[in-house]
Amino acid sequence: MNAALAMISAAAPRDGVEAALAVQMACTHTAAMAILAKLDSGFGTERRIAAFGSVAARLLKAYAMQVEVLRRLRNGGQQFVRVEHVHIHDLEGHHRR
């Protein structure tokens, strides 16, 4: 519970929507870690381990999507592209074609 509260605090939600998302993110992450811990315990059949792995993968994908949603909420869905011009000069003074 302390780890989940720390994650929510670290997300520093700015409004109710971000707070709800931060809670979801903490719960999703906690559930994924709990399932991954069961994989390491040697408990269960191959089929059960495969099912746990599949569920963990889906939870981790959901968490990554939640992180992206939070990023978009904060940036207004805008992406920033910086274009730089680089000029390369031949040290010998020859032009290459």
PDB file of N, CA and C in Angstrom:
ATOM      1  N   MET A   1       0.816  -1.184   0.000  1.00  0.00           N
ATOM      2  CA  MET A   1       0.000   0.000   0.000  1.00  0.00           C
ATOM      3  C   MET A   1       0.869   1.261   0.000  1.00  0.00           C
ATOM      4  N   ASN A   2       1.952   1.243   0.768  1.00  0.00           N
ATOM      5  CA  ASN A   2       2.844   2.405   0.807  1.00  0.00           C
ATOM      6  C   ASN A   2       3.472   2.671  -0.559  1.00  0.00           C
ATOM      7  N   ALA A   3       3.838   1.602  -1.257  1.00  0.00           N
ATOM      8  CA  ALA A   3       4.441   1.767  -2.578  1.00  0.00           C
ATOM      9  C   ALA A   3       3.433   2.389  -3.543  1.00  0.00           C
ATOM     10  N   ALA A   4       2.180   1.947  -3.474  1.00  0.00           N
ATOM     11  CA  ALA A   4       1.144   2.498  -4.349  1.00  0.00           C
ATOM     12  C   ALA A   4       0.924   3.980  -4.036  1.00  0.00           C
ATOM     13  N   LEU A   5       0.877   4.316  -2.757  1.00  0.00           N
ATOM     14  CA  LEU A   5       0.697   5.722  -2.384  1.00  0.00           C
ATOM     15  C   LEU A   5       1.885   6.569  -2.826  1.00  0.00           C
ATOM     16  N   ALA A   6       3.085   6.005  -2.756  1.00  0.00           N
ATOM     17  CA  ALA A   6       4.276   6.726  -3.210  1.00  0.00           C
ATOM     18  C   ALA A   6       4.216   6.969  -4.715  1.00  0.00           C
ATOM     19  N   MET A   7       3.731   5.981  -5.474  1.00  0.00           N
ATOM     20  CA  MET A   7       3.609   6.153  -6.929  1.00  0.00           C
ATOM     21  C   MET A   7       2.609   7.251  -7.261  1.00  0.00           C
ATOM     22  N   ILE A   8       1.489   7.269  -6.533  1.00  0.00           N
ATOM     23  CA  ILE A   8       0.463   8.283  -6.777  1.00  0.00           C
ATOM     24  C   ILE A   8       1.019   9.668  -6.458  1.00  0.00           C
ATOM     25  N   SER A   9       1.727   9.764  -5.359  1.00  0.00           N
ATOM     26  CA  SER A   9       2.334  11.037  -4.975  1.00  0.00           C
ATOM     27  C   SER A   9       3.371  11.485  -6.003  1.00  0.00           C
ATOM     28  N   ALA A  10       4.184  10.540  -6.489  1.00  0.00           N
ATOM     29  CA  ALA A  10       5.224  10.867  -7.471  1.00  0.00           C
ATOM     30  C   ALA A  10       4.616  11.340  -8.792  1.00  0.00           C
ATOM     31  N   ALA A  11       3.431  10.855  -9.129  1.00  0.00           N
ATOM     32  CA  ALA A  11       2.768  11.288 -10.369  1.00  0.00           C
ATOM     33  C   ALA A  11       2.326  12.747 -10.260  1.00  0.00           C
ATOM     34  N   ALA A  12       2.209  13.253  -9.035  1.00  0.00           N
ATOM     35  CA  ALA A  12       1.820  14.644  -8.777  1.00  0.00           C
ATOM     36  C   ALA A  12       0.612  15.061  -9.605  1.00  0.00           C
ATOM     37  N   PRO A  13      -0.519  14.381  -9.403  1.00  0.00           N
ATOM     38  CA  PRO A  13      -1.706  14.725 -10.196  1.00  0.00           C
ATOM     39  C   PRO A  13      -2.129  16.168  -9.964  1.00  0.00           C
ATOM     40  N   ARG A  14      -2.546  16.818 -11.063  1.00  0.00           N
ATOM     41  CA  ARG A  14      -2.912  18.237 -11.017  1.00  0.00           C
ATOM     42  C   ARG A  14      -4.418  18.458 -10.940  1.00  0.00           C
ATOM     43  N   ASP A  15      -5.192  17.391 -11.202  1.00  0.00           N
ATOM     44  CA  ASP A  15      -6.651  17.513 -11.121  1.00  0.00           C
ATOM     45  C   ASP A  15      -7.244  16.130 -10.856  1.00  0.00           C
ATOM     46  N   GLY A  16      -8.560  16.068 -10.820  1.00  0.00           N
ATOM     47  CA  GLY A  16      -9.240  14.817 -10.506  1.00  0.00           C
ATOM     48  C   GLY A  16      -9.005  13.713 -11.524  1.00  0.00           C
ATOM     49  N   VAL A  17      -8.955  14.071 -12.785  1.00  0.00           N
ATOM     50  CA  VAL A  17      -8.726  13.074 -13.842  1.00  0.00           C
ATOM     51  C   VAL A  17      -7.325  12.476 -13.697  1.00  0.00           C
ATOM     52  N   GLU A  18      -6.336  13.331 -13.490  1.00  0.00           N
ATOM     53  CA  GLU A  18      -4.967  12.837 -13.305  1.00  0.00           C
ATOM     54  C   GLU A  18      -4.863  12.013 -12.022  1.00  0.00           C
ATOM     55  N   ALA A  19      -5.589  12.398 -10.987  1.00  0.00           N
ATOM     56  CA  ALA A  19      -5.563  11.634  -9.736  1.00  0.00           C
ATOM     57  C   ALA A  19      -6.147  10.242  -9.938  1.00  0.00           C
ATOM     58  N   ALA A  20      -7.278  10.165 -10.637  1.00  0.00           N
ATOM     59  CA  ALA A  20      -7.884   8.860 -10.920  1.00  0.00           C
ATOM     60  C   ALA A  20      -6.950   7.992 -11.757  1.00  0.00           C
ATOM     61  N   LEU A  21      -6.310   8.613 -12.738  1.00  0.00           N
ATOM     62  CA  LEU A  21      -5.364   7.879 -13.584  1.00  0.00           C
ATOM     63  C   LEU A  21      -4.162   7.403 -12.773  1.00  0.00           C
ATOM     64  N   ALA A  22      -3.685   8.243 -11.870  1.00  0.00           N
ATOM     65  CA  ALA A  22      -2.548   7.859 -11.024  1.00  0.00           C
ATOM     66  C   ALA A  22      -2.906   6.669 -10.137  1.00  0.00           C
ATOM     67  N   VAL A  23      -4.122   6.641  -9.618  1.00  0.00           N
ATOM     68  CA  VAL A  23      -4.580   5.500  -8.810  1.00  0.00           C
ATOM     69  C   VAL A  23      -4.639   4.244  -9.669  1.00  0.00           C
ATOM     70  N   GLN A  24      -5.190   4.373 -10.871  1.00  0.00           N
ATOM     71  CA  GLN A  24      -5.249   3.226 -11.789  1.00  0.00           C
ATOM     72  C   GLN A  24      -3.850   2.724 -12.113  1.00  0.00           C
ATOM     73  N   MET A  25      -2.930   3.650 -12.367  1.00  0.00           N
ATOM     74  CA  MET A  25      -1.557   3.264 -12.696  1.00  0.00           C
ATOM     75  C   MET A  25      -0.915   2.508 -11.535  1.00  0.00           C
ATOM     76  N   ALA A  26      -1.111   2.997 -10.316  1.00  0.00           N
ATOM     77  CA  ALA A  26      -0.530   2.338  -9.147  1.00  0.00           C
ATOM     78  C   ALA A  26      -1.115   0.942  -8.970  1.00  0.00           C
ATOM     79  N   CYS A  27      -2.422   0.810  -9.153  1.00  0.00           N
ATOM     80  CA  CYS A  27      -3.069  -0.507  -9.017  1.00  0.00           C
ATOM     81  C   CYS A  27      -2.614  -1.478 -10.107  1.00  0.00           C
ATOM     82  N   THR A  28      -2.531  -0.984 -11.330  1.00  0.00           N
ATOM     83  CA  THR A  28      -2.095  -1.826 -12.449  1.00  0.00           C
ATOM     84  C   THR A  28      -0.667  -2.309 -12.231  1.00  0.00           C
ATOM     85  N   HIS A  29       0.207  -1.395 -11.822  1.00  0.00           N
ATOM     86  CA  HIS A  29       1.604  -1.755 -11.575  1.00  0.00           C
ATOM     87  C   HIS A  29       1.709  -2.770 -10.426  1.00  0.00           C
ATOM     88  N   THR A  30       0.987  -2.534  -9.351  1.00  0.00           N
ATOM     89  CA  THR A  30       1.022  -3.434  -8.198  1.00  0.00           C
ATOM     90  C   THR A  30       0.534  -4.827  -8.586  1.00  0.00           C
ATOM     91  N   ALA A  31      -0.535  -4.896  -9.352  1.00  0.00           N
ATOM     92  CA  ALA A  31      -1.062  -6.194  -9.791  1.00  0.00           C
ATOM     93  C   ALA A  31      -0.061  -6.920 -10.687  1.00  0.00           C
ATOM     94  N   ALA A  32       0.561  -6.191 -11.611  1.00  0.00           N
ATOM     95  CA  ALA A  32       1.549  -6.810 -12.503  1.00  0.00           C
ATOM     96  C   ALA A  32       2.730  -7.363 -11.714  1.00  0.00           C
ATOM     97  N   MET A  33       3.207  -6.605 -10.735  1.00  0.00           N
ATOM     98  CA  MET A  33       4.353  -7.062  -9.938  1.00  0.00           C
ATOM     99  C   MET A  33       3.987  -8.276  -9.095  1.00  0.00           C
ATOM    100  N   ALA A  34       2.759  -8.318  -8.579  1.00  0.00           N
ATOM    101  CA  ALA A  34       2.312  -9.467  -7.788  1.00  0.00           C
ATOM    102  C   ALA A  34       2.264 -10.733  -8.646  1.00  0.00           C
ATOM    103  N   ILE A  35       1.793 -10.589  -9.858  1.00  0.00           N
ATOM    104  CA  ILE A  35       1.727 -11.752 -10.755  1.00  0.00           C
ATOM    105  C   ILE A  35       3.121 -12.185 -11.175  1.00  0.00           C
ATOM    106  N   LEU A  36       3.988 -11.253 -11.472  1.00  0.00           N
ATOM    107  CA  LEU A  36       5.365 -11.606 -11.842  1.00  0.00           C
ATOM    108  C   LEU A  36       6.076 -12.307 -10.688  1.00  0.00           C
ATOM    109  N   ALA A  37       5.779 -11.920  -9.448  1.00  0.00           N
ATOM    110  CA  ALA A  37       6.382 -12.579  -8.290  1.00  0.00           C
ATOM    111  C   ALA A  37       5.932 -14.035  -8.204  1.00  0.00           C
ATOM    112  N   LYS A  38       4.708 -14.322  -8.601  1.00  0.00           N
ATOM    113  CA  LYS A  38       4.208 -15.701  -8.587  1.00  0.00           C
ATOM    114  C   LYS A  38       4.920 -16.553  -9.626  1.00  0.00           C
ATOM    115  N   LEU A  39       5.345 -15.947 -10.725  1.00  0.00           N
ATOM    116  CA  LEU A  39       6.061 -16.700 -11.757  1.00  0.00           C
ATOM    117  C   LEU A  39       7.381 -17.233 -11.227  1.00  0.00           C
ATOM    118  N   ASP A  40       8.016 -16.489 -10.357  1.00  0.00           N
ATOM    119  CA  ASP A  40       9.330 -16.861  -9.836  1.00  0.00           C
ATOM    120  C   ASP A  40       9.254 -17.874  -8.702  1.00  0.00           C
ATOM    121  N   SER A  41       8.054 -18.112  -8.180  1.00  0.00           N
ATOM    122  CA  SER A  41       7.917 -18.980  -7.014  1.00  0.00           C
ATOM    123  C   SER A  41       7.977 -20.465  -7.362  1.00  0.00           C
ATOM    124  N   GLY A  42       7.946 -20.795  -8.639  1.00  0.00           N
ATOM    125  CA  GLY A  42       7.969 -22.202  -9.030  1.00  0.00           C
ATOM    126  C   GLY A  42       6.650 -22.895  -8.733  1.00  0.00           C
ATOM    127  N   PHE A  43       5.623 -22.116  -8.534  1.00  0.00           N
ATOM    128  CA  PHE A  43       4.313 -22.643  -8.173  1.00  0.00           C
ATOM    129  C   PHE A  43       3.454 -22.789  -9.416  1.00  0.00           C
ATOM    130  N   GLY A  44       3.027 -23.993  -9.713  1.00  0.00           N
ATOM    131  CA  GLY A  44       2.085 -24.184 -10.800  1.00  0.00           C
ATOM    132  C   GLY A  44       2.650 -24.946 -11.970  1.00  0.00           C
ATOM    133  N   THR A  45       1.748 -25.324 -12.835  1.00  0.00           N
ATOM    134  CA  THR A  45       2.088 -26.069 -14.033  1.00  0.00           C
ATOM    135  C   THR A  45       2.560 -25.115 -15.115  1.00  0.00           C
ATOM    136  N   GLU A  46       3.064 -25.692 -16.196  1.00  0.00           N
ATOM    137  CA  GLU A  46       3.485 -24.848 -17.326  1.00  0.00           C
ATOM    138  C   GLU A  46       2.334 -24.011 -17.846  1.00  0.00           C
ATOM    139  N   ARG A  47       1.171 -24.614 -17.892  1.00  0.00           N
ATOM    140  CA  ARG A  47      -0.010 -23.906 -18.392  1.00  0.00           C
ATOM    141  C   ARG A  47      -0.363 -22.724 -17.490  1.00  0.00           C
ATOM    142  N   ARG A  48      -0.276 -22.937 -16.192  1.00  0.00           N
ATOM    143  CA  ARG A  48      -0.589 -21.868 -15.243  1.00  0.00           C
ATOM    144  C   ARG A  48       0.456 -20.747 -15.320  1.00  0.00           C
ATOM    145  N   ILE A  49       1.722 -21.139 -15.453  1.00  0.00           N
ATOM    146  CA  ILE A  49       2.794 -20.146 -15.564  1.00  0.00           C
ATOM    147  C   ILE A  49       2.615 -19.325 -16.841  1.00  0.00           C
ATOM    148  N   ALA A  50       2.230 -19.987 -17.937  1.00  0.00           N
ATOM    149  CA  ALA A  50       1.986 -19.272 -19.191  1.00  0.00           C
ATOM    150  C   ALA A  50       0.815 -18.301 -19.044  1.00  0.00           C
ATOM    151  N   ALA A  51      -0.216 -18.719 -18.318  1.00  0.00           N
ATOM    152  CA  ALA A  51      -1.373 -17.838 -18.102  1.00  0.00           C
ATOM    153  C   ALA A  51      -0.971 -16.627 -17.264  1.00  0.00           C
ATOM    154  N   PHE A  52      -0.187 -16.859 -16.201  1.00  0.00           N
ATOM    155  CA  PHE A  52       0.292 -15.744 -15.379  1.00  0.00           C
ATOM    156  C   PHE A  52       1.143 -14.790 -16.215  1.00  0.00           C
ATOM    157  N   GLY A  53       2.005 -15.351 -17.052  1.00  0.00           N
ATOM    158  CA  GLY A  53       2.853 -14.516 -17.909  1.00  0.00           C
ATOM    159  C   GLY A  53       2.027 -13.668 -18.852  1.00  0.00           C
ATOM    160  N   SER A  54       0.978 -14.253 -19.401  1.00  0.00           N
ATOM    161  CA  SER A  54       0.106 -13.524 -20.318  1.00  0.00           C
ATOM    162  C   SER A  54      -0.621 -12.385 -19.605  1.00  0.00           C
ATOM    163  N   VAL A  55      -1.132 -12.664 -18.422  1.00  0.00           N
ATOM    164  CA  VAL A  55      -1.827 -11.636 -17.658  1.00  0.00           C
ATOM    165  C   VAL A  55      -0.858 -10.515 -17.281  1.00  0.00           C
ATOM    166  N   ALA A  56       0.351 -10.886 -16.847  1.00  0.00           N
ATOM    167  CA  ALA A  56       1.353  -9.875 -16.480  1.00  0.00           C
ATOM    168  C   ALA A  56       1.683  -9.000 -17.686  1.00  0.00           C
ATOM    169  N   ALA A  57       1.840  -9.607 -18.849  1.00  0.00           N
ATOM    170  CA  ALA A  57       2.153  -8.842 -20.063  1.00  0.00           C
ATOM    171  C   ALA A  57       1.033  -7.863 -20.393  1.00  0.00           C
ATOM    172  N   ARG A  58      -0.208  -8.292 -20.257  1.00  0.00           N
ATOM    173  CA  ARG A  58      -1.342  -7.398 -20.534  1.00  0.00           C
ATOM    174  C   ARG A  58      -1.395  -6.245 -19.535  1.00  0.00           C
ATOM    175  N   LEU A  59      -1.124  -6.548 -18.266  1.00  0.00           N
ATOM    176  CA  LEU A  59      -1.115  -5.492 -17.255  1.00  0.00           C
ATOM    177  C   LEU A  59       0.000  -4.487 -17.513  1.00  0.00           C
ATOM    178  N   LEU A  60       1.176  -4.987 -17.888  1.00  0.00           N
ATOM    179  CA  LEU A  60       2.290  -4.078 -18.164  1.00  0.00           C
ATOM    180  C   LEU A  60       2.021  -3.225 -19.398  1.00  0.00           C
ATOM    181  N   LYS A  61       1.339  -3.795 -20.381  1.00  0.00           N
ATOM    182  CA  LYS A  61       0.958  -3.012 -21.562  1.00  0.00           C
ATOM    183  C   LYS A  61      -0.058  -1.944 -21.174  1.00  0.00           C
ATOM    184  N   ALA A  62      -1.015  -2.310 -20.313  1.00  0.00           N
ATOM    185  CA  ALA A  62      -2.003  -1.333 -19.844  1.00  0.00           C
ATOM    186  C   ALA A  62      -1.316  -0.212 -19.076  1.00  0.00           C
ATOM    187  N   TYR A  63      -0.331  -0.564 -18.255  1.00  0.00           N
ATOM    188  CA  TYR A  63       0.399   0.451 -17.497  1.00  0.00           C
ATOM    189  C   TYR A  63       1.125   1.412 -18.448  1.00  0.00           C
ATOM    190  N   ALA A  64       1.772   0.873 -19.466  1.00  0.00           N
ATOM    191  CA  ALA A  64       2.473   1.721 -20.435  1.00  0.00           C
ATOM    192  C   ALA A  64       1.492   2.654 -21.143  1.00  0.00           C
ATOM    193  N   MET A  65       0.305   2.150 -21.444  1.00  0.00           N
ATOM    194  CA  MET A  65      -0.708   2.991 -22.082  1.00  0.00           C
ATOM    195  C   MET A  65      -1.180   4.091 -21.123  1.00  0.00           C
ATOM    196  N   GLN A  66      -1.302   3.756 -19.838  1.00  0.00           N
ATOM    197  CA  GLN A  66      -1.708   4.754 -18.854  1.00  0.00           C
ATOM    198  C   GLN A  66      -0.657   5.856 -18.731  1.00  0.00           C
ATOM    199  N   VAL A  67       0.601   5.471 -18.751  1.00  0.00           N
ATOM    200  CA  VAL A  67       1.682   6.458 -18.703  1.00  0.00           C
ATOM    201  C   VAL A  67       1.585   7.386 -19.910  1.00  0.00           C
ATOM    202  N   GLU A  68       1.310   6.828 -21.066  1.00  0.00           N
ATOM    203  CA  GLU A  68       1.178   7.635 -22.286  1.00  0.00           C
ATOM    204  C   GLU A  68      -0.030   8.575 -22.194  1.00  0.00           C
ATOM    205  N   VAL A  69      -1.129   8.098 -21.645  1.00  0.00           N
ATOM    206  CA  VAL A  69      -2.311   8.945 -21.480  1.00  0.00           C
ATOM    207  C   VAL A  69      -1.985  10.111 -20.548  1.00  0.00           C
ATOM    208  N   LEU A  70      -1.274   9.848 -19.458  1.00  0.00           N
ATOM    209  CA  LEU A  70      -0.889  10.918 -18.538  1.00  0.00           C
ATOM    210  C   LEU A  70       0.005  11.937 -19.246  1.00  0.00           C
ATOM    211  N   ARG A  71       0.941  11.443 -20.043  1.00  0.00           N
ATOM    212  CA  ARG A  71       1.821  12.354 -20.790  1.00  0.00           C
ATOM    213  C   ARG A  71       0.998  13.231 -21.732  1.00  0.00           C
ATOM    214  N   ARG A  72       0.038  12.641 -22.414  1.00  0.00           N
ATOM    215  CA  ARG A  72      -0.792  13.404 -23.353  1.00  0.00           C
ATOM    216  C   ARG A  72      -1.677  14.418 -22.629  1.00  0.00           C
ATOM    217  N   LEU A  73      -2.197  14.032 -21.471  1.00  0.00           N
ATOM    218  CA  LEU A  73      -3.005  14.971 -20.694  1.00  0.00           C
ATOM    219  C   LEU A  73      -2.182  16.205 -20.328  1.00  0.00           C
ATOM    220  N   ARG A  74      -0.950  15.977 -19.954  1.00  0.00           N
ATOM    221  CA  ARG A  74      -0.101  17.080 -19.505  1.00  0.00           C
ATOM    222  C   ARG A  74       0.427  17.926 -20.658  1.00  0.00           C
ATOM    223  N   ASN A  75       0.616  17.319 -21.816  1.00  0.00           N
ATOM    224  CA  ASN A  75       1.149  18.056 -22.960  1.00  0.00           C
ATOM    225  C   ASN A  75       0.051  18.489 -23.924  1.00  0.00           C
ATOM    226  N   GLY A  76      -1.182  18.247 -23.594  1.00  0.00           N
ATOM    227  CA  GLY A  76      -2.284  18.618 -24.471  1.00  0.00           C
ATOM    228  C   GLY A  76      -2.325  17.802 -25.744  1.00  0.00           C
ATOM    229  N   GLY A  77      -1.713  16.629 -25.737  1.00  0.00           N
ATOM    230  CA  GLY A  77      -1.712  15.766 -26.904  1.00  0.00           C
ATOM    231  C   GLY A  77      -0.792  16.230 -28.008  1.00  0.00           C
ATOM    232  N   GLN A  78      -0.009  17.260 -27.724  1.00  0.00           N
ATOM    233  CA  GLN A  78       0.880  17.803 -28.748  1.00  0.00           C
ATOM    234  C   GLN A  78       2.266  17.181 -28.643  1.00  0.00           C
ATOM    235  N   GLN A  79       2.855  16.983 -29.775  1.00  0.00           N
ATOM    236  CA  GLN A  79       4.239  16.522 -29.822  1.00  0.00           C
ATOM    237  C   GLN A  79       5.099  17.680 -30.285  1.00  0.00           C
ATOM    238  N   PHE A  80       6.296  17.727 -29.778  1.00  0.00           N
ATOM    239  CA  PHE A  80       7.215  18.783 -30.155  1.00  0.00           C
ATOM    240  C   PHE A  80       8.340  18.192 -30.990  1.00  0.00           C
ATOM    241  N   VAL A  81       8.598  18.825 -32.123  1.00  0.00           N
ATOM    242  CA  VAL A  81       9.666  18.372 -33.000  1.00  0.00           C
ATOM    243  C   VAL A  81      10.649  19.522 -33.156  1.00  0.00           C
ATOM    244  N   ARG A  82      11.898  19.234 -32.917  1.00  0.00           N
ATOM    245  CA  ARG A  82      12.942  20.249 -33.082  1.00  0.00           C
ATOM    246  C   ARG A  82      13.771  19.873 -34.296  1.00  0.00           C
ATOM    247  N   VAL A  83      13.880  20.799 -35.240  1.00  0.00           N
ATOM    248  CA  VAL A  83      14.647  20.558 -36.462  1.00  0.00           C
ATOM    249  C   VAL A  83      15.919  21.380 -36.384  1.00  0.00           C
ATOM    250  N   GLU A  84      17.027  20.720 -36.602  1.00  0.00           N
ATOM    251  CA  GLU A  84      18.309  21.414 -36.601  1.00  0.00           C
ATOM    252  C   GLU A  84      18.993  21.185 -37.937  1.00  0.00           C
ATOM    253  N   HIS A  85      19.718  22.185 -38.377  1.00  0.00           N
ATOM    254  CA  HIS A  85      20.488  22.055 -39.608  1.00  0.00           C
ATOM    255  C   HIS A  85      21.945  21.831 -39.235  1.00  0.00           C
ATOM    256  N   VAL A  86      22.518  20.820 -39.820  1.00  0.00           N
ATOM    257  CA  VAL A  86      23.922  20.517 -39.558  1.00  0.00           C
ATOM    258  C   VAL A  86      24.679  20.673 -40.867  1.00  0.00           C
ATOM    259  N   HIS A  87      25.742  21.458 -40.837  1.00  0.00           N
ATOM    260  CA  HIS A  87      26.572  21.665 -42.013  1.00  0.00           C
ATOM    261  C   HIS A  87      27.889  20.921 -41.803  1.00  0.00           C
ATOM    262  N   ILE A  88      28.242  20.106 -42.776  1.00  0.00           N
ATOM    263  CA  ILE A  88      29.483  19.351 -42.698  1.00  0.00           C
ATOM    264  C   ILE A  88      30.415  19.859 -43.785  1.00  0.00           C
ATOM    265  N   HIS A  89      31.605  20.233 -43.374  1.00  0.00           N
ATOM    266  CA  HIS A  89      32.590  20.746 -44.316  1.00  0.00           C
ATOM    267  C   HIS A  89      33.747  19.754 -44.409  1.00  0.00           C
ATOM    268  N   ASP A  90      34.190  19.554 -45.624  1.00  0.00           N
ATOM    269  CA  ASP A  90      35.336  18.677 -45.869  1.00  0.00           C
ATOM    270  C   ASP A  90      36.602  19.408 -45.416  1.00  0.00           C
ATOM    271  N   LEU A  91      37.361  18.763 -44.557  1.00  0.00           N
ATOM    272  CA  LEU A  91      38.570  19.389 -44.023  1.00  0.00           C
ATOM    273  C   LEU A  91      39.623  19.641 -45.085  1.00  0.00           C
ATOM    274  N   GLU A  92      39.641  18.845 -46.149  1.00  0.00           N
ATOM    275  CA  GLU A  92      40.640  18.997 -47.201  1.00  0.00           C
ATOM    276  C   GLU A  92      40.215  20.007 -48.258  1.00  0.00           C
ATOM    277  N   GLY A  93      39.011  20.490 -48.167  1.00  0.00           N
ATOM    278  CA  GLY A  93      38.534  21.495 -49.119  1.00  0.00           C
ATOM    279  C   GLY A  93      38.017  20.889 -50.412  1.00  0.00           C
ATOM    280  N   HIS A  94      37.907  19.587 -50.523  1.00  0.00           N
ATOM    281  CA  HIS A  94      37.382  18.955 -51.750  1.00  0.00           C
ATOM    282  C   HIS A  94      35.893  18.747 -51.611  1.00  0.00           C
ATOM    283  N   HIS A  95      35.224  18.845 -52.713  1.00  0.00           N
ATOM    284  CA  HIS A  95      33.789  18.592 -52.726  1.00  0.00           C
ATOM    285  C   HIS A  95      33.563  17.142 -53.121  1.00  0.00           C
ATOM    286  N   ARG A  96      32.692  16.509 -52.409  1.00  0.00           N
ATOM    287  CA  ARG A  96      32.361  15.115 -52.763  1.00  0.00           C
ATOM    288  C   ARG A  96      31.013  15.093 -53.448  1.00  0.00           C
ATOM    289  N   ARG A  97      30.902  14.170 -54.384  1.00  0.00           N
ATOM    290  CA  ARG A  97      29.625  14.036 -55.092  1.00  0.00           C
ATOM    291  C   ARG A  97      29.076  12.663 -54.892  1.00  0.00           C
TER     292      ARG A  97
END
